[in-house]
Amino acid sequence: MPDSRGPLFVIGGHEDKDGSRQILAAIAAELGEGTLVIATIASAKREGYFEAYCEGFAPLGIGRLVELYLDDREQARDPARARMIDQAGGIFFTGGDQSRLMKLTEDTPIASAIRALHERGGLIAGTSAGASAQGETMLVGGGGEETPRVGDIELAPGLALIPQCIIDQHFAERGRIGRLIGAVSRRPDCLGIGIDEDTALRIQTGTARVIGSGGVTIVDASRASHGNAESARSGDIVSLHGATLHALGDGEGFDLAARRPVKVTGQRRSAGRTTP
């Protein structure tokens, strides 16, 4: 049977909202005139997020935008809130704290509605914390520019829309290569995916394509010859030998199941030009 699941947009944060709007335009083009739920759940303070995306999407011909915010888990059990997602063409998770997003939605009708939207072909996008939450496993703690040490990395379950992956965001800007290496040393079955700001991966049927002005770094430790995550003491430097690293730019593709770069169809935008 063909895969009917909808596209995922995994955004590294700080996507352009008032210039070329390359990532927002790609989302708007796929959604068309459908309703987009702007889920500001990851933020402890909702002020400003919804309004910023209303302005960002305004010139792009998108349909109606509605906001979904949760103060507590009880609200996540409200049938009316789940129906917002049931009746939408897509949902966009804004930034904040991915732990808050999961704490409020895990094992609730909201989480079920999100997965049902994806299964029936709806669009799901998330930026910053909203990007990290889409993976099977989330990075929820760990240093940025420091050399990774055993015990520093904190992992937690995500929405699992993208199986066997760990997503980090604001990647180059915050020097997070070390903590991504630390994460995959603990979970070598998961791909480590680091996404720069104003950059996204569009994922569908297991194929990812880069969109935006930055890069995507993928760390694959599945064939590593050595890792000390299980044997070292807390505080020891993480040791990982023989992992594979891929660096991808705008328009390039990656097969997540085969764990290799691939050519993809679609538009590539570079230096103000759009080319096949």
Protein backbone atom coordinates (compact mmCIF):
# COMPACT_ATOMS: atom_id res chain seq x y z
CA MET A 1 0.00 0.00 0.00
CA PRO A 2 1.23 3.52 -0.73
CA ASP A 3 2.27 5.62 2.24
CA SER A 4 -0.50 8.16 2.87
CA ARG A 5 1.21 10.02 5.70
CA GLY A 6 1.60 13.75 5.21
CA PRO A 7 4.76 15.84 4.98
CA LEU A 8 6.80 16.88 8.01
CA PHE A 9 8.70 20.17 8.17
CA VAL A 10 11.46 20.09 10.79
CA ILE A 11 12.85 23.61 11.23
CA GLY A 12 16.02 24.61 13.07
CA GLY A 13 14.53 27.84 14.47
CA HIS A 14 14.54 31.54 13.54
CA GLU A 15 13.06 30.91 10.10
CA ASP A 16 12.69 34.05 7.98
CA LYS A 17 9.25 35.60 8.53
CA ASP A 18 9.61 38.94 6.75
CA GLY A 19 12.00 38.49 3.80
CA SER A 20 12.04 35.64 1.31
CA ARG A 21 10.04 33.45 3.74
CA GLN A 22 11.40 30.42 1.90
CA ILE A 23 10.37 27.86 4.52
CA LEU A 24 7.00 29.42 5.33
CA ALA A 25 6.30 29.66 1.59
CA ALA A 26 7.02 25.95 1.15
CA ILE A 27 4.59 25.14 3.97
CA ALA A 28 1.92 27.46 2.55
CA ALA A 29 2.29 25.96 -0.93
CA GLU A 30 1.60 22.46 0.39
CA LEU A 31 -1.22 23.44 2.73
CA GLY A 32 -3.08 25.59 0.22
CA GLU A 33 -6.26 27.09 1.63
CA GLY A 34 -6.57 24.61 4.48
CA THR A 35 -6.65 25.62 8.15
CA LEU A 36 -3.29 25.68 9.95
CA VAL A 37 -3.24 25.26 13.73
CA ILE A 38 -0.44 27.30 15.30
CA ALA A 39 0.41 25.29 18.43
CA THR A 40 2.19 27.56 20.92
CA ILE A 41 2.20 24.82 23.57
CA ALA A 42 5.98 24.65 24.03
CA SER A 43 6.13 28.19 25.39
CA ALA A 44 5.33 29.00 29.02
CA LYS A 45 4.23 32.45 27.79
CA ARG A 46 2.10 32.47 24.65
CA GLU A 47 2.25 36.20 23.94
CA GLY A 48 3.57 37.14 20.49
CA TYR A 49 4.04 33.72 18.91
CA PHE A 50 0.68 33.45 17.17
CA GLU A 51 0.74 37.06 16.02
CA ALA A 52 4.24 36.65 14.52
CA TYR A 53 3.11 33.71 12.40
CA CYS A 54 -0.08 35.48 11.33
CA GLU A 55 2.15 38.25 9.96
CA GLY A 56 4.66 35.81 8.50
CA PHE A 57 2.09 33.77 6.60
CA ALA A 58 -0.12 36.75 5.63
CA PRO A 59 1.30 37.37 2.12
CA LEU A 60 1.59 33.67 1.24
CA GLY A 61 -2.04 32.85 0.41
CA ILE A 62 -2.53 30.40 3.25
CA GLY A 63 -5.95 29.55 4.67
CA ARG A 64 -7.19 30.30 8.18
CA LEU A 65 -4.78 30.30 11.14
CA VAL A 66 -6.01 29.27 14.60
CA GLU A 67 -4.06 29.10 17.86
CA LEU A 68 -3.81 26.09 20.16
CA TYR A 69 -2.36 26.70 23.63
CA LEU A 70 -2.48 24.55 26.76
CA ASP A 71 -2.12 25.71 30.35
CA ASP A 72 -2.30 22.17 31.73
CA ARG A 73 -2.93 18.53 30.83
CA GLU A 74 -6.62 18.84 31.63
CA GLN A 75 -7.03 21.17 28.66
CA ALA A 76 -5.32 18.55 26.47
CA ARG A 77 -8.28 16.26 27.25
CA ASP A 78 -10.79 18.85 26.01
CA PRO A 79 -12.60 17.37 22.95
CA ALA A 80 -12.99 20.83 21.43
CA ARG A 81 -9.22 21.31 21.30
CA ALA A 82 -8.70 17.91 19.69
CA ARG A 83 -11.37 18.78 17.10
CA MET A 84 -9.32 21.84 16.10
CA ILE A 85 -6.66 19.43 14.88
CA ASP A 86 -9.18 16.97 13.43
CA GLN A 87 -10.63 19.73 11.24
CA ALA A 88 -7.29 21.25 10.18
CA GLY A 89 -5.08 20.66 7.17
CA GLY A 90 -1.93 21.06 9.24
CA ILE A 91 -0.35 22.01 12.55
CA PHE A 92 2.71 24.15 13.24
CA PHE A 93 4.53 23.82 16.59
CA THR A 94 6.33 26.98 17.66
CA GLY A 95 9.46 27.20 19.80
CA GLY A 96 9.94 27.10 23.55
CA ASP A 97 10.64 23.98 25.60
CA GLN A 98 10.08 20.55 24.03
CA SER A 99 9.76 19.02 27.51
CA ARG A 100 6.77 21.26 28.22
CA LEU A 101 5.16 20.29 24.93
CA MET A 102 5.48 16.57 25.66
CA LYS A 103 4.52 16.89 29.35
CA LEU A 104 1.22 18.51 28.40
CA THR A 105 0.32 16.34 25.39
CA GLU A 106 1.73 12.84 25.93
CA ASP A 107 -0.99 10.16 26.13
CA THR A 108 -3.81 12.67 25.62
CA PRO A 109 -6.44 13.18 22.89
CA ILE A 110 -4.25 16.01 21.55
CA ALA A 111 -1.37 13.58 20.90
CA SER A 112 -3.78 11.12 19.27
CA ALA A 113 -5.18 13.88 17.05
CA ILE A 114 -1.66 14.92 15.98
CA ARG A 115 -0.79 11.37 14.93
CA ALA A 116 -4.14 10.93 13.18
CA LEU A 117 -3.54 14.16 11.24
CA HIS A 118 -0.19 12.83 10.08
CA GLU A 119 -1.63 9.43 9.14
CA ARG A 120 -4.40 10.90 7.01
CA GLY A 121 -1.99 13.07 5.01
CA GLY A 122 -2.03 16.34 6.96
CA LEU A 123 1.00 18.59 7.23
CA ILE A 124 2.98 18.82 10.47
CA ALA A 125 5.67 21.46 11.00
CA GLY A 126 7.71 22.48 14.00
CA THR A 127 10.45 24.97 14.68
CA SER A 128 13.12 24.85 17.41
CA ALA A 129 11.47 22.94 20.29
CA GLY A 130 8.71 22.00 17.85
CA ALA A 131 11.36 20.39 15.65
CA SER A 132 12.99 18.38 18.44
CA ALA A 133 9.63 17.00 19.57
CA GLN A 134 8.99 15.33 16.19
CA GLY A 135 11.74 12.74 16.70
CA GLU A 136 11.37 9.39 18.40
CA THR A 137 13.85 10.56 21.05
CA MET A 138 14.33 14.17 22.19
CA LEU A 139 17.41 15.96 23.40
CA VAL A 140 16.25 17.83 26.50
CA GLY A 141 19.57 18.73 28.12
CA GLY A 142 23.29 18.94 27.51
CA GLY A 143 25.97 21.53 26.91
CA GLY A 144 26.41 23.35 23.63
CA GLU A 145 29.99 24.16 22.76
CA GLU A 146 31.61 21.99 25.42
CA THR A 147 33.24 18.64 24.65
CA PRO A 148 30.57 16.02 25.45
CA ARG A 149 30.96 14.03 28.64
CA VAL A 150 29.24 10.85 29.72
CA GLY A 151 26.18 11.69 31.79
CA ASP A 152 25.75 15.23 30.45
CA ILE A 153 23.18 14.38 27.80
CA GLU A 154 19.51 14.11 28.77
CA LEU A 155 17.12 12.24 26.47
CA ALA A 156 13.35 11.76 26.60
CA PRO A 157 10.61 10.34 24.37
CA GLY A 158 9.27 12.58 21.60
CA LEU A 159 6.19 12.39 19.39
CA ALA A 160 7.91 9.68 17.31
CA LEU A 161 6.64 11.08 14.01
CA ILE A 162 10.14 10.40 12.68
CA PRO A 163 11.35 7.00 13.90
CA GLN A 164 14.90 6.29 15.04
CA CYS A 165 16.14 9.87 15.08
CA ILE A 166 17.23 12.57 17.51
CA ILE A 167 16.82 16.16 16.30
CA ASP A 168 18.79 19.16 17.52
CA GLN A 169 18.13 22.74 16.42
CA HIS A 170 19.91 26.15 16.34
CA PHE A 171 22.70 23.74 15.47
CA ALA A 172 25.68 25.63 14.02
CA GLU A 173 24.69 28.86 15.76
CA ARG A 174 24.96 27.27 19.23
CA GLY A 175 27.84 24.88 18.51
CA ARG A 176 25.83 21.74 19.23
CA ILE A 177 27.83 19.14 17.30
CA GLY A 178 29.34 17.85 20.55
CA ARG A 179 26.04 17.19 22.26
CA LEU A 180 24.63 15.49 19.14
CA ILE A 181 27.63 13.16 19.11
CA GLY A 182 27.03 12.51 22.79
CA ALA A 183 23.37 11.71 22.09
CA VAL A 184 24.02 9.19 19.30
CA SER A 185 26.79 7.58 21.34
CA ARG A 186 24.04 6.69 23.82
CA ARG A 187 21.52 5.78 21.12
CA PRO A 188 23.49 4.52 18.09
CA ASP A 189 20.26 3.11 16.64
CA CYS A 190 19.06 6.70 16.15
CA LEU A 191 20.27 9.11 13.48
CA GLY A 192 21.45 12.40 14.96
CA ILE A 193 20.06 15.31 12.91
CA GLY A 194 21.32 18.85 13.55
CA ILE A 195 19.46 21.66 11.76
CA ASP A 196 20.74 25.23 11.46
CA GLU A 197 18.54 28.29 11.86
CA ASP A 198 16.40 29.37 8.87
CA THR A 199 16.77 25.80 7.59
CA ALA A 200 14.32 22.91 7.44
CA LEU A 201 14.04 19.29 6.46
CA ARG A 202 10.92 18.38 4.53
CA ILE A 203 10.32 14.68 5.21
CA GLN A 204 7.87 12.38 3.49
CA THR A 205 7.91 8.62 2.75
CA GLY A 206 11.28 8.40 4.50
CA THR A 207 13.06 10.92 2.28
CA ALA A 208 14.28 14.25 3.64
CA ARG A 209 15.06 17.37 1.58
CA VAL A 210 16.86 20.46 2.87
CA ILE A 211 15.18 23.86 2.47
CA GLY A 212 16.72 27.15 3.58
CA SER A 213 19.82 29.25 4.01
CA GLY A 214 21.77 27.01 6.41
CA GLY A 215 22.90 23.42 6.61
CA VAL A 216 21.87 20.09 8.08
CA THR A 217 24.37 17.80 9.81
CA ILE A 218 23.57 14.09 10.15
CA VAL A 219 25.56 11.80 12.45
CA ASP A 220 25.16 8.03 11.98
CA ALA A 221 26.71 5.90 14.72
CA SER A 222 25.03 2.64 13.71
CA ARG A 223 28.29 1.25 12.31
CA ALA A 224 30.64 2.86 14.80
CA SER A 225 33.52 0.59 15.81
CA HIS A 226 33.65 1.81 19.41
CA GLY A 227 31.63 3.81 21.90
CA ASN A 228 32.08 4.23 25.65
CA ALA A 229 28.58 5.41 26.60
CA GLU A 230 27.79 2.17 28.46
CA SER A 231 31.15 1.50 30.08
CA ALA A 232 32.61 4.88 31.04
CA ARG A 233 32.09 6.72 34.31
CA SER A 234 29.94 9.80 34.55
CA GLY A 235 32.03 12.84 33.64
CA ASP A 236 34.40 10.98 31.30
CA ILE A 237 34.85 12.37 27.79
CA VAL A 238 32.55 10.68 25.27
CA SER A 239 34.51 8.36 22.97
CA LEU A 240 33.00 7.38 19.61
CA HIS A 241 34.99 5.82 16.74
CA GLY A 242 33.97 5.29 13.15
CA ALA A 243 30.70 7.23 13.07
CA THR A 244 29.61 8.65 9.70
CA LEU A 245 28.91 12.37 9.24
CA HIS A 246 26.92 13.94 6.40
CA ALA A 247 26.69 17.68 5.71
CA LEU A 248 23.78 18.75 3.50
CA GLY A 249 22.71 22.06 1.98
CA ASP A 250 19.64 23.54 0.30
CA GLY A 251 18.02 21.15 -2.18
CA GLU A 252 19.96 18.06 -1.13
CA GLY A 253 18.23 14.89 0.02
CA PHE A 254 18.71 12.03 2.45
CA ASP A 255 17.11 8.59 2.71
CA LEU A 256 16.46 8.14 6.44
CA ALA A 257 15.95 4.38 6.26
CA ALA A 258 18.96 3.62 4.04
CA ARG A 259 20.98 6.28 5.89
CA ARG A 260 22.54 7.78 2.77
CA PRO A 261 22.28 10.95 0.65
CA VAL A 262 19.97 10.74 -2.37
CA LYS A 263 18.89 12.94 -5.25
CA VAL A 264 15.43 14.38 -4.78
CA THR A 265 12.93 16.09 -7.03
CA GLY A 266 11.66 19.56 -6.29
CA GLN A 267 12.83 23.12 -6.36
CA ARG A 268 16.17 24.35 -5.14
CA ARG A 269 16.65 27.98 -4.27
CA SER A 270 20.15 29.43 -4.14
CA ALA A 271 21.47 32.99 -4.06
CA GLY A 272 18.08 34.43 -4.92
CA ARG A 273 17.50 32.05 -7.86
CA THR A 274 15.22 29.06 -8.20
CA THR A 275 16.53 26.20 -10.34
CA PRO A 276 15.27 22.70 -11.08
